[in-house]
Amino acid sequence: MMLTIGIIGGSWLLGSLLMNDWPSITGLVYGNGGNLSSWMSDLDLIVPSSPLVSDSHNQEYWGSILASVESKANNGLYVSSREHRTSIIKLTYLPFQSY
């Protein structure tokens, strides 16, 4: 039996397990060949589509990140200097949320 708690780094694992209906760790990381895609850990976090910052997919990616942070701020929630990094990690480890 595994005890999983959502503090510090463990929160990403716990969040991924919860949002993907509690799959096995192997299925979560590598996908299950069915309805669960894998973590996109090989994705470049700054320019995921190509090395060109001007690439339309990279522009859409950053637009999504900025819109997410802006939406949080516009709704009166506290926005820290780490919000952009958090959004990038969310897009990587919760792959069903596309940009």
N, C-alpha and C. Protein backbone atom coordinates (compact mmCIF):
# COMPACT_ATOMS: atom_id res chain seq x y z
N MET A 1 0.85 -1.18 0.00
CA MET A 1 0.00 0.00 0.00
C MET A 1 0.89 1.23 0.00
N MET A 2 0.50 2.21 -0.77
CA MET A 2 1.29 3.42 -0.88
C MET A 2 0.53 4.60 -0.27
N LEU A 3 1.20 5.35 0.55
CA LEU A 3 0.63 6.56 1.12
C LEU A 3 1.05 7.73 0.24
N THR A 4 0.11 8.45 -0.32
CA THR A 4 0.41 9.58 -1.18
C THR A 4 -0.13 10.84 -0.53
N ILE A 5 0.75 11.81 -0.37
CA ILE A 5 0.32 13.08 0.19
C ILE A 5 0.66 14.18 -0.79
N GLY A 6 -0.12 15.24 -0.77
CA GLY A 6 0.05 16.31 -1.73
C GLY A 6 0.79 17.51 -1.18
N ILE A 7 2.02 17.31 -0.74
CA ILE A 7 2.81 18.45 -0.29
C ILE A 7 4.07 18.56 -1.14
N ILE A 8 4.52 19.75 -1.32
CA ILE A 8 5.70 20.09 -2.09
C ILE A 8 5.66 19.36 -3.44
N GLY A 9 6.68 18.59 -3.79
CA GLY A 9 6.75 17.93 -5.09
C GLY A 9 5.70 16.85 -5.28
N GLY A 10 5.23 16.27 -4.19
CA GLY A 10 4.23 15.21 -4.28
C GLY A 10 2.88 15.68 -4.77
N SER A 11 2.66 16.98 -4.74
CA SER A 11 1.36 17.48 -5.17
C SER A 11 1.14 17.28 -6.67
N TRP A 12 2.22 17.31 -7.47
CA TRP A 12 2.05 17.08 -8.91
C TRP A 12 1.68 15.63 -9.18
N LEU A 13 2.31 14.71 -8.47
CA LEU A 13 1.95 13.30 -8.61
C LEU A 13 0.52 13.08 -8.15
N LEU A 14 0.17 13.58 -6.98
CA LEU A 14 -1.18 13.40 -6.45
C LEU A 14 -2.22 14.03 -7.38
N GLY A 15 -1.94 15.24 -7.87
CA GLY A 15 -2.86 15.90 -8.80
C GLY A 15 -3.03 15.13 -10.08
N SER A 16 -1.94 14.60 -10.62
CA SER A 16 -2.01 13.80 -11.85
C SER A 16 -2.82 12.53 -11.62
N LEU A 17 -2.59 11.87 -10.49
CA LEU A 17 -3.36 10.66 -10.19
C LEU A 17 -4.84 10.97 -10.06
N LEU A 18 -5.16 12.03 -9.34
CA LEU A 18 -6.56 12.40 -9.12
C LEU A 18 -7.25 12.78 -10.44
N MET A 19 -6.61 13.62 -11.23
CA MET A 19 -7.23 14.11 -12.47
C MET A 19 -7.33 13.05 -13.55
N ASN A 20 -6.60 11.95 -13.39
CA ASN A 20 -6.64 10.86 -14.37
C ASN A 20 -7.32 9.61 -13.83
N ASP A 21 -8.12 9.76 -12.78
CA ASP A 21 -8.93 8.67 -12.21
C ASP A 21 -8.08 7.54 -11.64
N TRP A 22 -7.03 7.87 -10.93
CA TRP A 22 -6.20 6.95 -10.16
C TRP A 22 -5.63 5.78 -10.96
N PRO A 23 -4.89 6.03 -12.03
CA PRO A 23 -4.26 4.93 -12.76
C PRO A 23 -3.01 4.44 -12.02
N SER A 24 -2.39 3.40 -12.55
CA SER A 24 -1.10 2.99 -11.99
C SER A 24 -0.06 4.07 -12.31
N ILE A 25 1.02 4.09 -11.58
CA ILE A 25 2.08 5.08 -11.83
C ILE A 25 2.66 4.86 -13.23
N THR A 26 2.87 3.62 -13.62
CA THR A 26 3.41 3.31 -14.94
C THR A 26 2.46 3.81 -16.02
N GLY A 27 1.18 3.58 -15.87
CA GLY A 27 0.19 4.06 -16.83
C GLY A 27 0.13 5.57 -16.89
N LEU A 28 0.31 6.20 -15.75
CA LEU A 28 0.29 7.65 -15.69
C LEU A 28 1.48 8.25 -16.44
N VAL A 29 2.66 7.71 -16.22
CA VAL A 29 3.87 8.26 -16.81
C VAL A 29 3.99 7.91 -18.30
N TYR A 30 3.70 6.66 -18.67
CA TYR A 30 3.92 6.20 -20.04
C TYR A 30 2.64 6.07 -20.87
N GLY A 31 1.50 6.25 -20.26
CA GLY A 31 0.23 6.07 -20.97
C GLY A 31 -0.19 4.62 -20.89
N ASN A 32 -1.45 4.36 -21.23
CA ASN A 32 -1.94 2.98 -21.15
C ASN A 32 -2.35 2.42 -22.50
N GLY A 33 -2.07 3.16 -23.58
CA GLY A 33 -2.43 2.69 -24.91
C GLY A 33 -3.91 2.87 -25.21
N GLY A 34 -4.64 3.46 -24.30
CA GLY A 34 -6.06 3.66 -24.48
C GLY A 34 -6.44 5.11 -24.28
N ASN A 35 -7.20 5.34 -23.23
CA ASN A 35 -7.72 6.68 -22.98
C ASN A 35 -6.77 7.57 -22.18
N LEU A 36 -5.62 7.06 -21.78
CA LEU A 36 -4.69 7.81 -20.95
C LEU A 36 -3.39 8.05 -21.72
N SER A 37 -3.12 9.31 -22.05
CA SER A 37 -1.85 9.62 -22.70
C SER A 37 -0.79 9.79 -21.64
N SER A 38 0.44 9.80 -22.05
CA SER A 38 1.54 9.87 -21.09
C SER A 38 1.86 11.30 -20.70
N TRP A 39 2.65 11.43 -19.64
CA TRP A 39 3.20 12.73 -19.31
C TRP A 39 4.06 13.17 -20.48
N MET A 40 4.06 14.41 -20.79
CA MET A 40 4.86 14.91 -21.91
C MET A 40 6.18 15.45 -21.39
N SER A 41 6.95 14.59 -20.72
CA SER A 41 8.19 15.03 -20.07
C SER A 41 9.32 15.29 -21.06
N ASP A 42 9.16 14.86 -22.31
CA ASP A 42 10.18 15.15 -23.31
C ASP A 42 9.92 16.47 -24.03
N LEU A 43 8.86 17.14 -23.66
CA LEU A 43 8.47 18.41 -24.28
C LEU A 43 9.35 19.55 -23.78
N ASP A 44 9.86 20.34 -24.68
CA ASP A 44 10.61 21.53 -24.29
C ASP A 44 9.63 22.49 -23.62
N LEU A 45 9.94 22.93 -22.42
CA LEU A 45 8.99 23.74 -21.66
C LEU A 45 8.92 25.19 -22.11
N ILE A 46 9.92 25.66 -22.86
CA ILE A 46 9.94 27.05 -23.30
C ILE A 46 9.39 27.19 -24.71
N VAL A 47 9.87 26.37 -25.62
CA VAL A 47 9.39 26.39 -27.01
C VAL A 47 9.05 24.95 -27.42
N PRO A 48 7.85 24.47 -27.08
CA PRO A 48 7.52 23.05 -27.27
C PRO A 48 7.38 22.61 -28.72
N SER A 49 7.03 23.51 -29.61
CA SER A 49 6.74 23.10 -30.98
C SER A 49 7.98 23.08 -31.87
N SER A 50 8.82 24.10 -31.75
CA SER A 50 10.04 24.20 -32.54
C SER A 50 10.97 25.19 -31.87
N PRO A 51 12.24 25.23 -32.29
CA PRO A 51 13.17 26.19 -31.68
C PRO A 51 12.83 27.65 -31.99
N LEU A 52 11.94 27.86 -32.94
CA LEU A 52 11.57 29.23 -33.31
C LEU A 52 10.49 29.77 -32.39
N VAL A 53 10.79 30.83 -31.71
CA VAL A 53 9.82 31.46 -30.81
C VAL A 53 8.62 31.95 -31.60
N SER A 54 8.83 32.33 -32.86
CA SER A 54 7.75 32.86 -33.69
C SER A 54 6.82 31.79 -34.27
N ASP A 55 7.11 30.52 -34.03
CA ASP A 55 6.26 29.43 -34.51
C ASP A 55 4.83 29.61 -33.97
N SER A 56 3.84 29.39 -34.81
CA SER A 56 2.44 29.65 -34.41
C SER A 56 2.01 28.79 -33.22
N HIS A 57 2.48 27.55 -33.15
CA HIS A 57 2.12 26.69 -32.01
C HIS A 57 2.76 27.20 -30.72
N ASN A 58 4.00 27.68 -30.80
CA ASN A 58 4.65 28.26 -29.62
C ASN A 58 3.92 29.52 -29.18
N GLN A 59 3.46 30.31 -30.12
CA GLN A 59 2.71 31.52 -29.79
C GLN A 59 1.39 31.16 -29.11
N GLU A 60 0.73 30.12 -29.60
CA GLU A 60 -0.52 29.66 -29.00
C GLU A 60 -0.28 29.13 -27.58
N TYR A 61 0.81 28.40 -27.41
CA TYR A 61 1.21 27.84 -26.11
C TYR A 61 1.40 28.95 -25.09
N TRP A 62 2.20 29.95 -25.43
CA TRP A 62 2.45 31.07 -24.51
C TRP A 62 1.21 31.93 -24.31
N GLY A 63 0.40 32.06 -25.36
CA GLY A 63 -0.86 32.78 -25.21
C GLY A 63 -1.77 32.11 -24.20
N SER A 64 -1.81 30.78 -24.22
CA SER A 64 -2.61 30.01 -23.28
C SER A 64 -2.11 30.21 -21.84
N ILE A 65 -0.81 30.18 -21.68
CA ILE A 65 -0.21 30.36 -20.35
C ILE A 65 -0.53 31.76 -19.82
N LEU A 66 -0.31 32.76 -20.66
CA LEU A 66 -0.59 34.14 -20.23
C LEU A 66 -2.07 34.35 -19.93
N ALA A 67 -2.95 33.76 -20.76
CA ALA A 67 -4.39 33.89 -20.54
C ALA A 67 -4.81 33.24 -19.22
N SER A 68 -4.20 32.12 -18.90
CA SER A 68 -4.50 31.42 -17.65
C SER A 68 -4.15 32.29 -16.44
N VAL A 69 -2.96 32.87 -16.48
CA VAL A 69 -2.51 33.72 -15.37
C VAL A 69 -3.36 34.99 -15.29
N GLU A 70 -3.64 35.58 -16.44
CA GLU A 70 -4.45 36.80 -16.48
C GLU A 70 -5.87 36.54 -15.96
N SER A 71 -6.44 35.40 -16.32
CA SER A 71 -7.77 35.05 -15.87
C SER A 71 -7.82 34.93 -14.34
N LYS A 72 -6.79 34.32 -13.78
CA LYS A 72 -6.72 34.17 -12.33
C LYS A 72 -6.66 35.55 -11.66
N ALA A 73 -5.83 36.43 -12.21
CA ALA A 73 -5.70 37.78 -11.64
C ALA A 73 -6.99 38.58 -11.79
N ASN A 74 -7.65 38.45 -12.95
CA ASN A 74 -8.89 39.19 -13.20
C ASN A 74 -10.04 38.73 -12.30
N ASN A 75 -9.93 37.53 -11.78
CA ASN A 75 -10.98 37.01 -10.88
C ASN A 75 -10.67 37.27 -9.41
N GLY A 76 -9.68 38.12 -9.18
CA GLY A 76 -9.37 38.53 -7.82
C GLY A 76 -8.52 37.57 -7.03
N LEU A 77 -7.97 36.56 -7.68
CA LEU A 77 -7.12 35.60 -6.97
C LEU A 77 -5.68 36.10 -6.94
N TYR A 78 -4.96 35.70 -5.93
CA TYR A 78 -3.57 36.10 -5.79
C TYR A 78 -2.73 35.47 -6.90
N VAL A 79 -1.91 36.26 -7.54
CA VAL A 79 -1.03 35.78 -8.60
C VAL A 79 0.41 36.05 -8.17
N SER A 80 1.18 34.99 -8.06
CA SER A 80 2.58 35.14 -7.64
C SER A 80 3.49 35.15 -8.87
N SER A 81 4.75 35.35 -8.63
CA SER A 81 5.73 35.35 -9.72
C SER A 81 5.95 33.95 -10.28
N ARG A 82 5.40 32.94 -9.63
CA ARG A 82 5.58 31.55 -10.08
C ARG A 82 4.42 31.02 -10.90
N GLU A 83 3.42 31.84 -11.15
CA GLU A 83 2.22 31.37 -11.85
C GLU A 83 2.52 30.84 -13.25
N HIS A 84 3.42 31.50 -13.97
CA HIS A 84 3.74 31.06 -15.33
C HIS A 84 4.38 29.67 -15.31
N ARG A 85 5.30 29.46 -14.38
CA ARG A 85 5.95 28.15 -14.25
C ARG A 85 4.93 27.08 -13.90
N THR A 86 4.03 27.41 -13.01
CA THR A 86 2.99 26.46 -12.62
C THR A 86 2.11 26.09 -13.82
N SER A 87 1.77 27.06 -14.64
CA SER A 87 0.96 26.79 -15.82
C SER A 87 1.70 25.91 -16.81
N ILE A 88 3.01 26.14 -16.96
CA ILE A 88 3.82 25.32 -17.86
C ILE A 88 3.83 23.87 -17.37
N ILE A 89 4.03 23.67 -16.09
CA ILE A 89 4.07 22.32 -15.54
C ILE A 89 2.70 21.66 -15.65
N LYS A 90 1.65 22.43 -15.45
CA LYS A 90 0.29 21.89 -15.59
C LYS A 90 0.07 21.36 -17.00
N LEU A 91 0.50 22.10 -18.00
CA LEU A 91 0.34 21.65 -19.37
C LEU A 91 1.15 20.39 -19.67
N THR A 92 2.24 20.20 -18.94
CA THR A 92 3.11 19.05 -19.16
C THR A 92 2.58 17.80 -18.46
N TYR A 93 2.12 17.93 -17.22
CA TYR A 93 1.75 16.76 -16.43
C TYR A 93 0.26 16.48 -16.37
N LEU A 94 -0.54 17.35 -16.90
CA LEU A 94 -1.97 17.09 -17.06
C LEU A 94 -2.28 17.22 -18.55
N PRO A 95 -1.84 16.22 -19.35
CA PRO A 95 -1.84 16.37 -20.80
C PRO A 95 -3.21 16.50 -21.44
N PHE A 96 -4.29 16.18 -20.75
CA PHE A 96 -5.60 16.36 -21.36
C PHE A 96 -5.96 17.83 -21.47
N GLN A 97 -5.23 18.68 -20.79
CA GLN A 97 -5.47 20.13 -20.89
C GLN A 97 -4.56 20.66 -21.98
N SER A 98 -5.10 20.89 -23.14
CA SER A 98 -4.28 21.34 -24.26
C SER A 98 -4.21 22.84 -24.30
N TYR A 99 -3.28 23.35 -25.03
CA TYR A 99 -3.15 24.79 -25.20
C TYR A 99 -3.71 25.21 -26.54
